[in-house]
Amino acid sequence: MRAWMKPVIVAAMAAAPLHAQPVPPEPTPPEPQVGEIEVRAPRTIDKAIVADNIRQLIARIPVFEVVPRFYHPLCLHVIGPDLAANRIIAERITDAALTAGLEKPKPKCRENALVIITDDPDRLFETLVRRRHWAVGGGGRDVSLRRLRDEFTSGKPAISWNRATMRTGNIDAVMQPGEPPQLVLPRASRIMNSIYRIKALSVIVFDGTRIGAATPAQLGDYAAMHLLTTPNRNIAFGDVSARSILSLFADGPDLAPEGLTAFDRAYIQGVYAVGRDGWRAKVTRAALSAYEQECADERPDCQFLVNEAAE
């Protein structure tokens, strides 16, 4: 465990409730219905609608920037009052990381992803700022400290940020614990081909008093989307027709998907399929290709299917 992470965990546990909440049972799949066999014409996806939905979700970045992602295995730590729920959350995030193509972490790996469930997120955040400023302050963070504080005081159910995202010509560059990220550039002629944006720390904090009836599976998959990718901080879900676990708190746990949808999985796969030169447009194309593969067998959670004759 990283030395700077220990005070973070202590602060999280201090802000966590002292009682454990029961883990809601996983939903039982409906019994298959026996009926007439429906023969349908071959269908394909509406690429324009899918691409537009992907663009609505991806955080807007400058044209010469690349979408940040993990290159090393996801080393996860989940902190919350209910150990059983923590395990489910961790399993869901780990499964999503493997789907993205990341390798399994080694034992005693150095944490680069943190999920915290607490009833007092404001206290937790101020403790982090005061005692471990590197975890939330300084350069290389994808959101300002002021905006983070505003989000904590506004009562959002979930708040996330990425720390120590760095550009380097060597993805194996080692960053010392507690030190700011180092900028290592290759020769000028190769800069555009060798710049990475590496997630060195990704954090999501859930307010236990505001997550409602969200299941551990929903929380885990929602966290996975924020840890592994970088969605817009304020998605206009009125403009997004795709079913996504990102709508968990916009729609509420009862109306939101029970977990990652085909669209979500394609988005994650798209971010990790493009490699280091993950320009925003490339991610959109890669996610679109992944969605076509997800929906090749026309599974029920594939929305944007149209008859080939209509194409």
C-alpha atoms as a PDB file:
ATOM      1  CA  MET A   1       0.000   0.000   0.000  1.00  0.00           C
ATOM      2  CA  ARG A   2       1.287   3.460  -0.866  1.00  0.00           C
ATOM      3  CA  ALA A   3       2.353   5.469   2.155  1.00  0.00           C
ATOM      4  CA  TRP A   4       0.201   8.433   1.187  1.00  0.00           C
ATOM      5  CA  MET A   5      -2.849   6.182   0.808  1.00  0.00           C
ATOM      6  CA  LYS A   6      -2.977   5.163   4.481  1.00  0.00           C
ATOM      7  CA  PRO A   7      -4.221   8.566   5.775  1.00  0.00           C
ATOM      8  CA  VAL A   8      -6.763   8.601   2.922  1.00  0.00           C
ATOM      9  CA  ILE A   9      -8.173   5.267   4.088  1.00  0.00           C
ATOM     10  CA  VAL A  10      -8.159   6.356   7.738  1.00  0.00           C
ATOM     11  CA  ALA A  11     -10.033   9.536   6.824  1.00  0.00           C
ATOM     12  CA  ALA A  12     -12.550   7.560   4.783  1.00  0.00           C
ATOM     13  CA  MET A  13     -13.210   5.123   7.591  1.00  0.00           C
ATOM     14  CA  ALA A  14     -13.626   7.978  10.063  1.00  0.00           C
ATOM     15  CA  ALA A  15     -16.268   9.515   7.814  1.00  0.00           C
ATOM     16  CA  ALA A  16     -18.028   6.216   7.154  1.00  0.00           C
ATOM     17  CA  PRO A  17     -21.154   5.234   9.089  1.00  0.00           C
ATOM     18  CA  LEU A  18     -20.662   2.818  11.963  1.00  0.00           C
ATOM     19  CA  HIS A  19     -23.479   0.529  10.914  1.00  0.00           C
ATOM     20  CA  ALA A  20     -23.616  -1.728   7.902  1.00  0.00           C
ATOM     21  CA  GLN A  21     -26.511  -1.616   5.495  1.00  0.00           C
ATOM     22  CA  PRO A  22     -27.963  -4.920   4.239  1.00  0.00           C
ATOM     23  CA  VAL A  23     -26.976  -5.884   0.726  1.00  0.00           C
ATOM     24  CA  PRO A  24     -30.041  -5.835  -1.531  1.00  0.00           C
ATOM     25  CA  PRO A  25     -30.550  -9.186  -3.250  1.00  0.00           C
ATOM     26  CA  GLU A  26     -29.509  -9.458  -6.854  1.00  0.00           C
ATOM     27  CA  PRO A  27     -32.529  -9.296  -9.192  1.00  0.00           C
ATOM     28  CA  THR A  28     -33.878 -12.664 -10.313  1.00  0.00           C
ATOM     29  CA  PRO A  29     -33.936 -13.009 -14.104  1.00  0.00           C
ATOM     30  CA  PRO A  30     -37.432 -13.500 -15.514  1.00  0.00           C
ATOM     31  CA  GLU A  31     -38.551 -16.971 -16.480  1.00  0.00           C
ATOM     32  CA  PRO A  32     -38.363 -17.589 -20.235  1.00  0.00           C
ATOM     33  CA  GLN A  33     -41.754 -17.395 -21.891  1.00  0.00           C
ATOM     34  CA  VAL A  34     -42.833 -20.076 -24.314  1.00  0.00           C
ATOM     35  CA  GLY A  35     -44.448 -18.664 -27.388  1.00  0.00           C
ATOM     36  CA  GLU A  36     -44.391 -18.488 -31.141  1.00  0.00           C
ATOM     37  CA  ILE A  37     -41.029 -18.177 -32.860  1.00  0.00           C
ATOM     38  CA  GLU A  38     -40.649 -14.757 -34.410  1.00  0.00           C
ATOM     39  CA  VAL A  39     -38.675 -14.651 -37.650  1.00  0.00           C
ATOM     40  CA  ARG A  40     -37.163 -11.236 -38.260  1.00  0.00           C
ATOM     41  CA  ALA A  41     -35.209  -9.792 -41.122  1.00  0.00           C
ATOM     42  CA  PRO A  42     -31.474  -9.218 -40.507  1.00  0.00           C
ATOM     43  CA  ARG A  43     -30.831  -5.982 -38.654  1.00  0.00           C
ATOM     44  CA  THR A  44     -27.917  -3.637 -38.206  1.00  0.00           C
ATOM     45  CA  ILE A  45     -27.239  -0.717 -35.876  1.00  0.00           C
ATOM     46  CA  ASP A  46     -27.989   2.920 -36.548  1.00  0.00           C
ATOM     47  CA  LYS A  47     -24.379   4.143 -36.517  1.00  0.00           C
ATOM     48  CA  ALA A  48     -25.254   7.847 -36.526  1.00  0.00           C
ATOM     49  CA  ILE A  49     -27.358   7.600 -33.360  1.00  0.00           C
ATOM     50  CA  VAL A  50     -24.789   5.453 -31.558  1.00  0.00           C
ATOM     51  CA  ALA A  51     -21.925   7.810 -32.467  1.00  0.00           C
ATOM     52  CA  ASP A  52     -23.931  10.833 -31.305  1.00  0.00           C
ATOM     53  CA  ASN A  53     -24.650   9.178 -27.941  1.00  0.00           C
ATOM     54  CA  ILE A  54     -20.980   8.326 -27.479  1.00  0.00           C
ATOM     55  CA  ARG A  55     -20.010  11.941 -28.143  1.00  0.00           C
ATOM     56  CA  GLN A  56     -22.530  13.090 -25.527  1.00  0.00           C
ATOM     57  CA  LEU A  57     -20.853  10.928 -22.870  1.00  0.00           C
ATOM     58  CA  ILE A  58     -17.155  11.518 -23.522  1.00  0.00           C
ATOM     59  CA  ALA A  59     -15.670  14.449 -21.642  1.00  0.00           C
ATOM     60  CA  ARG A  60     -14.723  17.256 -23.996  1.00  0.00           C
ATOM     61  CA  ILE A  61     -10.969  17.630 -24.300  1.00  0.00           C
ATOM     62  CA  PRO A  62      -8.741  19.875 -26.449  1.00  0.00           C
ATOM     63  CA  VAL A  63      -8.214  18.715 -30.011  1.00  0.00           C
ATOM     64  CA  PHE A  64      -4.553  17.837 -29.424  1.00  0.00           C
ATOM     65  CA  GLU A  65      -5.203  15.926 -26.199  1.00  0.00           C
ATOM     66  CA  VAL A  66      -5.814  12.207 -25.893  1.00  0.00           C
ATOM     67  CA  VAL A  67      -8.421  10.515 -23.724  1.00  0.00           C
ATOM     68  CA  PRO A  68      -6.825   9.465 -20.393  1.00  0.00           C
ATOM     69  CA  ARG A  69      -6.840   5.821 -19.378  1.00  0.00           C
ATOM     70  CA  PHE A  70      -5.025   3.248 -17.280  1.00  0.00           C
ATOM     71  CA  TYR A  71      -2.080   1.453 -18.830  1.00  0.00           C
ATOM     72  CA  HIS A  72      -1.074  -0.551 -15.781  1.00  0.00           C
ATOM     73  CA  PRO A  73      -3.446  -3.022 -14.047  1.00  0.00           C
ATOM     74  CA  LEU A  74      -6.225  -1.505 -11.995  1.00  0.00           C
ATOM     75  CA  CYS A  75      -5.224  -1.821  -8.330  1.00  0.00           C
ATOM     76  CA  LEU A  76      -8.477  -1.143  -6.513  1.00  0.00           C
ATOM     77  CA  HIS A  77      -9.390  -0.373  -2.905  1.00  0.00           C
ATOM     78  CA  VAL A  78     -13.055  -0.173  -1.869  1.00  0.00           C
ATOM     79  CA  ILE A  79     -13.891   1.420   1.486  1.00  0.00           C
ATOM     80  CA  GLY A  80     -17.407   1.251   2.905  1.00  0.00           C
ATOM     81  CA  PRO A  81     -19.343   0.110   5.969  1.00  0.00           C
ATOM     82  CA  ASP A  82     -20.648  -3.127   4.458  1.00  0.00           C
ATOM     83  CA  LEU A  83     -17.978  -5.704   3.645  1.00  0.00           C
ATOM     84  CA  ALA A  84     -20.315  -7.849   1.550  1.00  0.00           C
ATOM     85  CA  ALA A  85     -21.316  -4.849  -0.573  1.00  0.00           C
ATOM     86  CA  ASN A  86     -17.658  -3.831  -0.873  1.00  0.00           C
ATOM     87  CA  ARG A  87     -16.812  -7.234  -2.316  1.00  0.00           C
ATOM     88  CA  ILE A  88     -19.570  -7.037  -4.916  1.00  0.00           C
ATOM     89  CA  ILE A  89     -18.520  -3.518  -5.912  1.00  0.00           C
ATOM     90  CA  ALA A  90     -14.891  -4.598  -6.242  1.00  0.00           C
ATOM     91  CA  GLU A  91     -15.832  -7.652  -8.310  1.00  0.00           C
ATOM     92  CA  ARG A  92     -17.907  -5.586 -10.731  1.00  0.00           C
ATOM     93  CA  ILE A  93     -15.130  -3.028 -11.222  1.00  0.00           C
ATOM     94  CA  THR A  94     -12.513  -5.749 -11.647  1.00  0.00           C
ATOM     95  CA  ASP A  95     -14.668  -7.510 -14.250  1.00  0.00           C
ATOM     96  CA  ALA A  96     -15.044  -4.241 -16.168  1.00  0.00           C
ATOM     97  CA  ALA A  97     -11.276  -3.657 -16.048  1.00  0.00           C
ATOM     98  CA  LEU A  98     -10.669  -7.125 -17.492  1.00  0.00           C
ATOM     99  CA  THR A  99     -13.256  -6.414 -20.196  1.00  0.00           C
ATOM    100  CA  ALA A 100     -11.257  -3.298 -21.044  1.00  0.00           C
ATOM    101  CA  GLY A 101      -8.216  -5.482 -21.568  1.00  0.00           C
ATOM    102  CA  LEU A 102      -6.250  -4.565 -18.446  1.00  0.00           C
ATOM    103  CA  GLU A 103      -4.248  -7.316 -16.808  1.00  0.00           C
ATOM    104  CA  LYS A 104      -5.003  -8.648 -13.346  1.00  0.00           C
ATOM    105  CA  PRO A 105      -3.120  -6.763 -10.614  1.00  0.00           C
ATOM    106  CA  LYS A 106      -0.368  -8.503  -8.702  1.00  0.00           C
ATOM    107  CA  PRO A 107      -0.642  -9.107  -4.947  1.00  0.00           C
ATOM    108  CA  LYS A 108       0.341  -6.081  -2.850  1.00  0.00           C
ATOM    109  CA  CYS A 109       0.020  -3.808  -5.860  1.00  0.00           C
ATOM    110  CA  ARG A 110       0.138  -0.042  -5.504  1.00  0.00           C
ATOM    111  CA  GLU A 111      -3.396   1.389  -5.395  1.00  0.00           C
ATOM    112  CA  ASN A 112      -4.391   3.572  -8.313  1.00  0.00           C
ATOM    113  CA  ALA A 113      -8.177   3.392  -7.925  1.00  0.00           C
ATOM    114  CA  LEU A 114     -10.226   4.180  -4.838  1.00  0.00           C
ATOM    115  CA  VAL A 115     -13.960   3.844  -4.123  1.00  0.00           C
ATOM    116  CA  ILE A 116     -15.291   5.325  -0.878  1.00  0.00           C
ATOM    117  CA  ILE A 117     -18.822   5.105   0.536  1.00  0.00           C
ATOM    118  CA  THR A 118     -19.355   7.488   3.430  1.00  0.00           C
ATOM    119  CA  ASP A 119     -22.193   9.306   5.180  1.00  0.00           C
ATOM    120  CA  ASP A 120     -20.048  12.433   5.590  1.00  0.00           C
ATOM    121  CA  PRO A 121     -18.343  13.185   2.249  1.00  0.00           C
ATOM    122  CA  ASP A 122     -17.733  16.859   3.111  1.00  0.00           C
ATOM    123  CA  ARG A 123     -15.691  15.897   6.146  1.00  0.00           C
ATOM    124  CA  LEU A 124     -13.781  13.317   4.141  1.00  0.00           C
ATOM    125  CA  PHE A 125     -12.916  15.789   1.406  1.00  0.00           C
ATOM    126  CA  GLU A 126     -11.706  18.494   3.783  1.00  0.00           C
ATOM    127  CA  THR A 127      -9.591  15.901   5.584  1.00  0.00           C
ATOM    128  CA  LEU A 128      -7.980  14.929   2.296  1.00  0.00           C
ATOM    129  CA  VAL A 129      -7.281  18.546   1.406  1.00  0.00           C
ATOM    130  CA  ARG A 130      -5.788  19.216   4.816  1.00  0.00           C
ATOM    131  CA  ARG A 131      -3.754  16.060   5.378  1.00  0.00           C
ATOM    132  CA  ARG A 132      -2.978  14.713   1.916  1.00  0.00           C
ATOM    133  CA  HIS A 133      -3.209  17.621  -0.478  1.00  0.00           C
ATOM    134  CA  TRP A 134      -1.439  15.623  -3.171  1.00  0.00           C
ATOM    135  CA  ALA A 135      -4.429  13.314  -3.476  1.00  0.00           C
ATOM    136  CA  VAL A 136      -6.753  16.146  -4.519  1.00  0.00           C
ATOM    137  CA  GLY A 137      -4.656  19.282  -5.060  1.00  0.00           C
ATOM    138  CA  GLY A 138      -1.837  20.495  -7.244  1.00  0.00           C
ATOM    139  CA  GLY A 139      -1.427  20.061 -10.983  1.00  0.00           C
ATOM    140  CA  GLY A 140      -2.440  17.179 -13.190  1.00  0.00           C
ATOM    141  CA  ARG A 141      -5.995  16.890 -11.850  1.00  0.00           C
ATOM    142  CA  ASP A 142      -8.903  16.902 -14.306  1.00  0.00           C
ATOM    143  CA  VAL A 143     -11.092  19.234 -12.228  1.00  0.00           C
ATOM    144  CA  SER A 144     -10.304  22.284 -10.113  1.00  0.00           C
ATOM    145  CA  LEU A 145     -10.220  22.115  -6.331  1.00  0.00           C
ATOM    146  CA  ARG A 146     -12.885  24.814  -6.159  1.00  0.00           C
ATOM    147  CA  ARG A 147     -15.234  22.863  -8.393  1.00  0.00           C
ATOM    148  CA  LEU A 148     -14.656  19.695  -6.405  1.00  0.00           C
ATOM    149  CA  ARG A 149     -15.514  21.507  -3.176  1.00  0.00           C
ATOM    150  CA  ASP A 150     -18.659  22.938  -4.793  1.00  0.00           C
ATOM    151  CA  GLU A 151     -19.722  19.463  -5.883  1.00  0.00           C
ATOM    152  CA  PHE A 152     -19.234  18.070  -2.382  1.00  0.00           C
ATOM    153  CA  THR A 153     -21.231  20.877  -0.782  1.00  0.00           C
ATOM    154  CA  SER A 154     -23.988  20.608  -3.412  1.00  0.00           C
ATOM    155  CA  GLY A 155     -24.971  17.158  -2.172  1.00  0.00           C
ATOM    156  CA  LYS A 156     -24.244  15.112  -5.296  1.00  0.00           C
ATOM    157  CA  PRO A 157     -24.628  11.355  -4.675  1.00  0.00           C
ATOM    158  CA  ALA A 158     -21.305  10.593  -6.369  1.00  0.00           C
ATOM    159  CA  ILE A 159     -18.222  12.668  -7.093  1.00  0.00           C
ATOM    160  CA  SER A 160     -15.161  11.524  -8.994  1.00  0.00           C
ATOM    161  CA  TRP A 161     -11.827  12.893 -10.085  1.00  0.00           C
ATOM    162  CA  ASN A 162      -8.597  11.724 -11.667  1.00  0.00           C
ATOM    163  CA  ARG A 163      -5.264  12.596 -10.160  1.00  0.00           C
ATOM    164  CA  ALA A 164      -1.718  12.611 -11.503  1.00  0.00           C
ATOM    165  CA  THR A 165      -2.686  12.082 -15.110  1.00  0.00           C
ATOM    166  CA  MET A 166       0.648  12.624 -16.833  1.00  0.00           C
ATOM    167  CA  ARG A 167       2.124  12.847 -20.276  1.00  0.00           C
ATOM    168  CA  THR A 168       5.227  10.828 -20.830  1.00  0.00           C
ATOM    169  CA  GLY A 169       7.206   9.156 -23.556  1.00  0.00           C
ATOM    170  CA  ASN A 170       7.562   6.056 -21.397  1.00  0.00           C
ATOM    171  CA  ILE A 171       4.455   4.406 -19.976  1.00  0.00           C
ATOM    172  CA  ASP A 172       6.611   2.460 -17.530  1.00  0.00           C
ATOM    173  CA  ALA A 173       7.888   5.647 -15.878  1.00  0.00           C
ATOM    174  CA  VAL A 174       7.672   5.212 -12.103  1.00  0.00           C
ATOM    175  CA  MET A 175       6.223   8.013  -9.998  1.00  0.00           C
ATOM    176  CA  GLN A 176       7.361   8.236  -6.401  1.00  0.00           C
ATOM    177  CA  PRO A 177       4.555   8.138  -3.797  1.00  0.00           C
ATOM    178  CA  GLY A 178       3.640  11.601  -2.593  1.00  0.00           C
ATOM    179  CA  GLU A 179       5.467  13.308  -5.458  1.00  0.00           C
ATOM    180  CA  PRO A 180       3.823  15.287  -8.281  1.00  0.00           C
ATOM    181  CA  PRO A 181       3.753  13.623 -11.701  1.00  0.00           C
ATOM    182  CA  GLN A 182       6.789  14.116 -13.884  1.00  0.00           C
ATOM    183  CA  LEU A 183       6.562  15.322 -17.465  1.00  0.00           C
ATOM    184  CA  VAL A 184       8.929  13.273 -19.612  1.00  0.00           C
ATOM    185  CA  LEU A 185       8.995  14.211 -23.272  1.00  0.00           C
ATOM    186  CA  PRO A 186      10.819  12.515 -26.143  1.00  0.00           C
ATOM    187  CA  ARG A 187      12.480  14.357 -29.004  1.00  0.00           C
ATOM    188  CA  ALA A 188      10.407  17.149 -30.455  1.00  0.00           C
ATOM    189  CA  SER A 189       9.911  15.288 -33.737  1.00  0.00           C
ATOM    190  CA  ARG A 190       8.267  12.386 -31.906  1.00  0.00           C
ATOM    191  CA  ILE A 191       6.228  14.261 -29.291  1.00  0.00           C
ATOM    192  CA  MET A 192       2.879  13.878 -31.014  1.00  0.00           C
ATOM    193  CA  ASN A 193       3.401  10.107 -31.384  1.00  0.00           C
ATOM    194  CA  SER A 194       4.693   9.472 -27.863  1.00  0.00           C
ATOM    195  CA  ILE A 195       2.502  11.473 -25.486  1.00  0.00           C
ATOM    196  CA  TYR A 196       0.311   9.468 -23.150  1.00  0.00           C
ATOM    197  CA  ARG A 197      -2.295  10.499 -20.635  1.00  0.00           C
ATOM    198  CA  ILE A 198      -1.986   7.949 -17.874  1.00  0.00           C
ATOM    199  CA  LYS A 199      -4.369   7.702 -14.969  1.00  0.00           C
ATOM    200  CA  ALA A 200      -2.197   7.344 -11.877  1.00  0.00           C
ATOM    201  CA  LEU A 201      -5.082   7.739  -9.426  1.00  0.00           C
ATOM    202  CA  SER A 202      -8.826   7.698  -9.981  1.00  0.00           C
ATOM    203  CA  VAL A 203     -11.235   8.291  -7.085  1.00  0.00           C
ATOM    204  CA  ILE A 204     -15.001   8.137  -6.678  1.00  0.00           C
ATOM    205  CA  VAL A 205     -16.822   9.024  -3.460  1.00  0.00           C
ATOM    206  CA  PHE A 206     -20.420   7.952  -2.864  1.00  0.00           C
ATOM    207  CA  ASP A 207     -22.586   9.773  -0.335  1.00  0.00           C
ATOM    208  CA  GLY A 208     -24.182   6.915   1.596  1.00  0.00           C
ATOM    209  CA  THR A 209     -27.110   9.138   2.565  1.00  0.00           C
ATOM    210  CA  ARG A 210     -28.000   9.886  -1.074  1.00  0.00           C
ATOM    211  CA  ILE A 211     -27.470   6.674  -3.024  1.00  0.00           C
ATOM    212  CA  GLY A 212     -30.971   5.472  -2.190  1.00  0.00           C
ATOM    213  CA  ALA A 213     -31.790   1.886  -3.126  1.00  0.00           C
ATOM    214  CA  ALA A 214     -28.886   1.507  -5.544  1.00  0.00           C
ATOM    215  CA  THR A 215     -27.599  -2.059  -5.449  1.00  0.00           C
ATOM    216  CA  PRO A 216     -23.911  -2.885  -4.967  1.00  0.00           C
ATOM    217  CA  ALA A 217     -23.885  -4.126  -8.577  1.00  0.00           C
ATOM    218  CA  GLN A 218     -25.181  -0.774  -9.821  1.00  0.00           C
ATOM    219  CA  LEU A 219     -22.705   1.141  -7.667  1.00  0.00           C
ATOM    220  CA  GLY A 220     -19.840  -1.044  -8.856  1.00  0.00           C
ATOM    221  CA  ASP A 221     -20.652  -0.637 -12.535  1.00  0.00           C
ATOM    222  CA  TYR A 222     -21.279   3.099 -12.141  1.00  0.00           C
ATOM    223  CA  ALA A 223     -17.912   3.433 -10.421  1.00  0.00           C
ATOM    224  CA  ALA A 224     -16.236   1.360 -13.145  1.00  0.00           C
ATOM    225  CA  MET A 225     -17.391   3.795 -15.814  1.00  0.00           C
ATOM    226  CA  HIS A 226     -15.904   6.728 -13.917  1.00  0.00           C
ATOM    227  CA  LEU A 227     -12.691   4.977 -12.928  1.00  0.00           C
ATOM    228  CA  LEU A 228     -11.886   3.417 -16.287  1.00  0.00           C
ATOM    229  CA  THR A 229     -13.141   6.187 -18.576  1.00  0.00           C
ATOM    230  CA  THR A 230     -13.694   9.927 -18.250  1.00  0.00           C
ATOM    231  CA  PRO A 231     -17.351  10.736 -18.899  1.00  0.00           C
ATOM    232  CA  ASN A 232     -18.754  14.258 -18.872  1.00  0.00           C
ATOM    233  CA  ARG A 233     -19.197  15.556 -15.352  1.00  0.00           C
ATOM    234  CA  ASN A 234     -22.669  16.906 -16.135  1.00  0.00           C
ATOM    235  CA  ILE A 235     -24.262  14.763 -18.799  1.00  0.00           C
ATOM    236  CA  ALA A 236     -27.470  16.132 -20.312  1.00  0.00           C
ATOM    237  CA  PHE A 237     -29.386  12.871 -20.158  1.00  0.00           C
ATOM    238  CA  GLY A 238     -32.260  14.480 -22.029  1.00  0.00           C
ATOM    239  CA  ASP A 239     -29.989  14.397 -25.085  1.00  0.00           C
ATOM    240  CA  VAL A 240     -28.796  10.820 -24.498  1.00  0.00           C
ATOM    241  CA  SER A 241     -31.098   8.090 -25.763  1.00  0.00           C
ATOM    242  CA  ALA A 242     -28.715   5.235 -24.990  1.00  0.00           C
ATOM    243  CA  ARG A 243     -29.373   3.205 -21.867  1.00  0.00           C
ATOM    244  CA  SER A 244     -26.362   3.646 -19.590  1.00  0.00           C
ATOM    245  CA  ILE A 245     -25.521   2.933 -15.957  1.00  0.00           C
ATOM    246  CA  LEU A 246     -24.262   6.528 -15.886  1.00  0.00           C
ATOM    247  CA  SER A 247     -27.926   7.536 -15.506  1.00  0.00           C
ATOM    248  CA  LEU A 248     -28.100   5.765 -12.123  1.00  0.00           C
ATOM    249  CA  PHE A 249     -28.692   8.947 -10.122  1.00  0.00           C
ATOM    250  CA  ALA A 250     -30.354  10.946 -12.899  1.00  0.00           C
ATOM    251  CA  ASP A 251     -33.087   8.318 -13.411  1.00  0.00           C
ATOM    252  CA  GLY A 252     -32.942   6.675  -9.983  1.00  0.00           C
ATOM    253  CA  PRO A 253     -31.981   3.071  -9.170  1.00  0.00           C
ATOM    254  CA  ASP A 254     -35.396   1.675 -10.077  1.00  0.00           C
ATOM    255  CA  LEU A 255     -35.407   3.088 -13.620  1.00  0.00           C
ATOM    256  CA  ALA A 256     -31.692   2.938 -14.356  1.00  0.00           C
ATOM    257  CA  PRO A 257     -30.110  -0.221 -15.814  1.00  0.00           C
ATOM    258  CA  GLU A 258     -29.209  -2.996 -13.386  1.00  0.00           C
ATOM    259  CA  GLY A 259     -25.592  -2.831 -14.532  1.00  0.00           C
ATOM    260  CA  LEU A 260     -23.381  -2.116 -17.520  1.00  0.00           C
ATOM    261  CA  THR A 261     -25.314  -2.106 -20.783  1.00  0.00           C
ATOM    262  CA  ALA A 262     -24.053  -3.095 -24.220  1.00  0.00           C
ATOM    263  CA  PHE A 263     -23.529   0.600 -24.846  1.00  0.00           C
ATOM    264  CA  ASP A 264     -21.452   0.997 -21.660  1.00  0.00           C
ATOM    265  CA  ARG A 265     -19.300  -2.010 -22.443  1.00  0.00           C
ATOM    266  CA  ALA A 266     -18.666  -0.704 -25.952  1.00  0.00           C
ATOM    267  CA  TYR A 267     -17.668   2.695 -24.574  1.00  0.00           C
ATOM    268  CA  ILE A 268     -15.160   1.130 -22.172  1.00  0.00           C
ATOM    269  CA  GLN A 269     -13.773  -1.136 -24.880  1.00  0.00           C
ATOM    270  CA  GLY A 270     -13.481   1.813 -27.264  1.00  0.00           C
ATOM    271  CA  VAL A 271     -11.391   3.849 -24.821  1.00  0.00           C
ATOM    272  CA  TYR A 272      -8.943   0.970 -24.363  1.00  0.00           C
ATOM    273  CA  ALA A 273      -8.887  -0.261 -27.956  1.00  0.00           C
ATOM    274  CA  VAL A 274      -7.191   2.803 -29.432  1.00  0.00           C
ATOM    275  CA  GLY A 275      -3.957   2.587 -27.438  1.00  0.00           C
ATOM    276  CA  ARG A 276      -1.895   5.631 -26.588  1.00  0.00           C
ATOM    277  CA  ASP A 277      -3.063   7.853 -29.462  1.00  0.00           C
ATOM    278  CA  GLY A 278      -6.639   7.862 -28.209  1.00  0.00           C
ATOM    279  CA  TRP A 279      -7.879  11.037 -29.813  1.00  0.00           C
ATOM    280  CA  ARG A 280     -11.527  11.740 -29.095  1.00  0.00           C
ATOM    281  CA  ALA A 281     -12.633  10.933 -32.651  1.00  0.00           C
ATOM    282  CA  LYS A 282     -10.728   7.634 -32.579  1.00  0.00           C
ATOM    283  CA  VAL A 283     -12.422   6.653 -29.333  1.00  0.00           C
ATOM    284  CA  THR A 284     -15.826   7.339 -30.871  1.00  0.00           C
ATOM    285  CA  ARG A 285     -15.030   5.146 -33.883  1.00  0.00           C
ATOM    286  CA  ALA A 286     -13.576   2.377 -31.703  1.00  0.00           C
ATOM    287  CA  ALA A 287     -16.604   2.416 -29.380  1.00  0.00           C
ATOM    288  CA  LEU A 288     -18.916   2.289 -32.393  1.00  0.00           C
ATOM    289  CA  SER A 289     -17.055  -0.762 -33.694  1.00  0.00           C
ATOM    290  CA  ALA A 290     -17.240  -2.401 -30.265  1.00  0.00           C
ATOM    291  CA  TYR A 291     -20.992  -1.731 -30.134  1.00  0.00           C
ATOM    292  CA  GLU A 292     -21.438  -3.463 -33.492  1.00  0.00           C
ATOM    293  CA  GLN A 293     -19.673  -6.519 -32.080  1.00  0.00           C
ATOM    294  CA  GLU A 294     -21.702  -6.380 -28.843  1.00  0.00           C
ATOM    295  CA  CYS A 295     -24.908  -6.361 -30.852  1.00  0.00           C
ATOM    296  CA  ALA A 296     -23.946  -8.888 -33.527  1.00  0.00           C
ATOM    297  CA  ASP A 297     -26.353 -11.389 -31.969  1.00  0.00           C
ATOM    298  CA  GLU A 298     -29.054  -8.727 -31.410  1.00  0.00           C
ATOM    299  CA  ARG A 299     -29.162  -9.107 -27.655  1.00  0.00           C
ATOM    300  CA  PRO A 300     -32.090  -7.458 -25.817  1.00  0.00           C
ATOM    301  CA  ASP A 301     -29.998  -4.578 -24.422  1.00  0.00           C
ATOM    302  CA  CYS A 302     -28.950  -3.507 -27.936  1.00  0.00           C
ATOM    303  CA  GLN A 303     -31.219  -0.576 -28.683  1.00  0.00           C
ATOM    304  CA  PHE A 304     -30.309   0.954 -32.001  1.00  0.00           C
ATOM    305  CA  LEU A 305     -31.083  -1.886 -34.370  1.00  0.00           C
ATOM    306  CA  VAL A 306     -32.782  -1.204 -37.682  1.00  0.00           C
ATOM    307  CA  ASN A 307     -33.715  -3.413 -40.616  1.00  0.00           C
ATOM    308  CA  GLU A 308     -30.924  -3.643 -43.145  1.00  0.00           C
ATOM    309  CA  ALA A 309     -33.382  -2.640 -45.858  1.00  0.00           C
ATOM    310  CA  ALA A 310     -33.839   0.717 -44.099  1.00  0.00           C
ATOM    311  CA  GLU A 311     -30.100   1.462 -44.189  1.00  0.00           C
END
